Amino acid sequence: ILQGEIQELQMSLASKEVDLRKLDGLLKDTGNRRGRGPSLTSQIVEVLHSLAKDSPEGVSARAVVQEFGQTRDDVNESTIRSTL
């Protein structure tokens, strides 16, 4: 009985180790992406600047959100607005 339980625990442990390695790989990949390229703020400012060139009377936050949404779909509206 004990041998069976030990074997089950070993299999469970091995499965959890595999899951942890996968999670670790995902976290490392996410960390690497963050370091690449311009920051979120600079990307938003770039969109704002390009819109402002074409619109001397001013640019609405809605216009920036819509334009930025075409560039990156992984950032929500509230994040963009708070950055502005």
Protein backbone atom coordinates (compact mmCIF):
# COMPACT_ATOMS: atom_id res chain seq x y z
CA ILE A 1 0.00 0.00 0.00
CA LEU A 2 2.78 2.42 0.95
CA GLN A 3 4.69 1.69 -2.24
CA GLY A 4 1.61 2.55 -4.28
CA GLU A 5 1.12 5.81 -2.41
CA ILE A 6 4.80 6.69 -2.84
CA GLN A 7 4.55 6.02 -6.56
CA GLU A 8 1.43 8.22 -6.84
CA LEU A 9 3.17 11.02 -4.94
CA GLN A 10 6.23 10.76 -7.19
CA MET A 11 4.07 10.99 -10.31
CA SER A 12 2.19 13.95 -8.86
CA LEU A 13 5.47 15.66 -8.00
CA ALA A 14 6.85 15.06 -11.49
CA SER A 15 3.69 16.52 -13.02
CA LYS A 16 3.90 19.60 -10.80
CA GLU A 17 7.57 20.09 -11.71
CA VAL A 18 6.65 20.08 -15.40
CA ASP A 19 3.89 22.62 -14.77
CA LEU A 20 6.29 24.85 -12.82
CA ARG A 21 8.85 24.71 -15.64
CA LYS A 22 6.15 25.76 -18.12
CA LEU A 23 5.10 28.67 -15.90
CA ASP A 24 8.70 29.69 -15.40
CA GLY A 25 9.23 29.70 -19.16
CA LEU A 26 6.14 31.85 -19.68
CA LEU A 27 7.27 34.32 -17.05
CA LYS A 28 10.74 34.57 -18.54
CA ASP A 29 9.26 35.10 -22.01
CA THR A 30 7.00 37.89 -20.72
CA GLY A 31 9.95 39.52 -18.99
CA ASN A 32 11.98 39.46 -22.17
CA ARG A 33 9.20 41.12 -24.16
CA ARG A 34 8.96 43.95 -21.68
CA GLY A 35 12.58 44.88 -22.21
CA ARG A 36 12.26 45.07 -25.99
CA GLY A 37 11.15 48.13 -27.86
CA PRO A 38 9.79 51.45 -26.72
CA SER A 39 7.80 51.86 -23.53
CA LEU A 40 4.03 52.00 -23.50
CA THR A 41 4.12 55.69 -22.60
CA SER A 42 6.42 56.56 -25.48
CA GLN A 43 4.21 54.61 -27.89
CA ILE A 44 1.12 56.50 -26.73
CA VAL A 45 2.94 59.83 -26.96
CA GLU A 46 4.06 58.94 -30.48
CA VAL A 47 0.44 58.32 -31.52
CA LEU A 48 -0.63 61.57 -29.84
CA HIS A 49 2.13 63.48 -31.60
CA SER A 50 1.24 62.11 -35.02
CA LEU A 51 -2.44 62.98 -34.49
CA ALA A 52 -1.55 66.47 -33.21
CA LYS A 53 0.42 67.21 -36.40
CA ASP A 54 -2.74 66.73 -38.45
CA SER A 55 -5.06 68.48 -36.00
CA PRO A 56 -3.83 71.88 -34.77
CA GLU A 57 -7.06 72.50 -32.81
CA GLY A 58 -6.28 69.59 -30.48
CA VAL A 59 -6.73 65.86 -30.14
CA SER A 60 -9.35 64.11 -28.05
CA ALA A 61 -8.47 61.23 -25.77
CA ARG A 62 -10.99 59.13 -27.70
CA ALA A 63 -9.04 59.73 -30.93
CA VAL A 64 -5.80 58.64 -29.26
CA VAL A 65 -7.48 55.53 -27.83
CA GLN A 66 -8.92 54.58 -31.22
CA GLU A 67 -5.66 55.17 -33.08
CA PHE A 68 -3.56 53.38 -30.46
CA GLY A 69 -5.99 50.46 -30.49
CA GLN A 70 -5.09 49.89 -34.13
CA THR A 71 -1.43 49.57 -33.16
CA ARG A 72 -1.77 47.46 -30.02
CA ASP A 73 -4.79 45.46 -28.99
CA ASP A 74 -3.31 44.23 -25.71
CA VAL A 75 -3.74 47.56 -23.88
CA ASN A 76 -7.15 48.59 -22.57
CA GLU A 77 -8.72 52.02 -22.88
CA SER A 78 -8.37 52.97 -19.20
CA THR A 79 -4.63 52.33 -19.32
CA ILE A 80 -4.24 54.56 -22.36
CA ARG A 81 -6.36 57.31 -20.81
CA SER A 82 -4.47 57.21 -17.52
CA THR A 83 -1.19 57.46 -19.42
CA LEU A 84 -2.45 60.56 -21.22
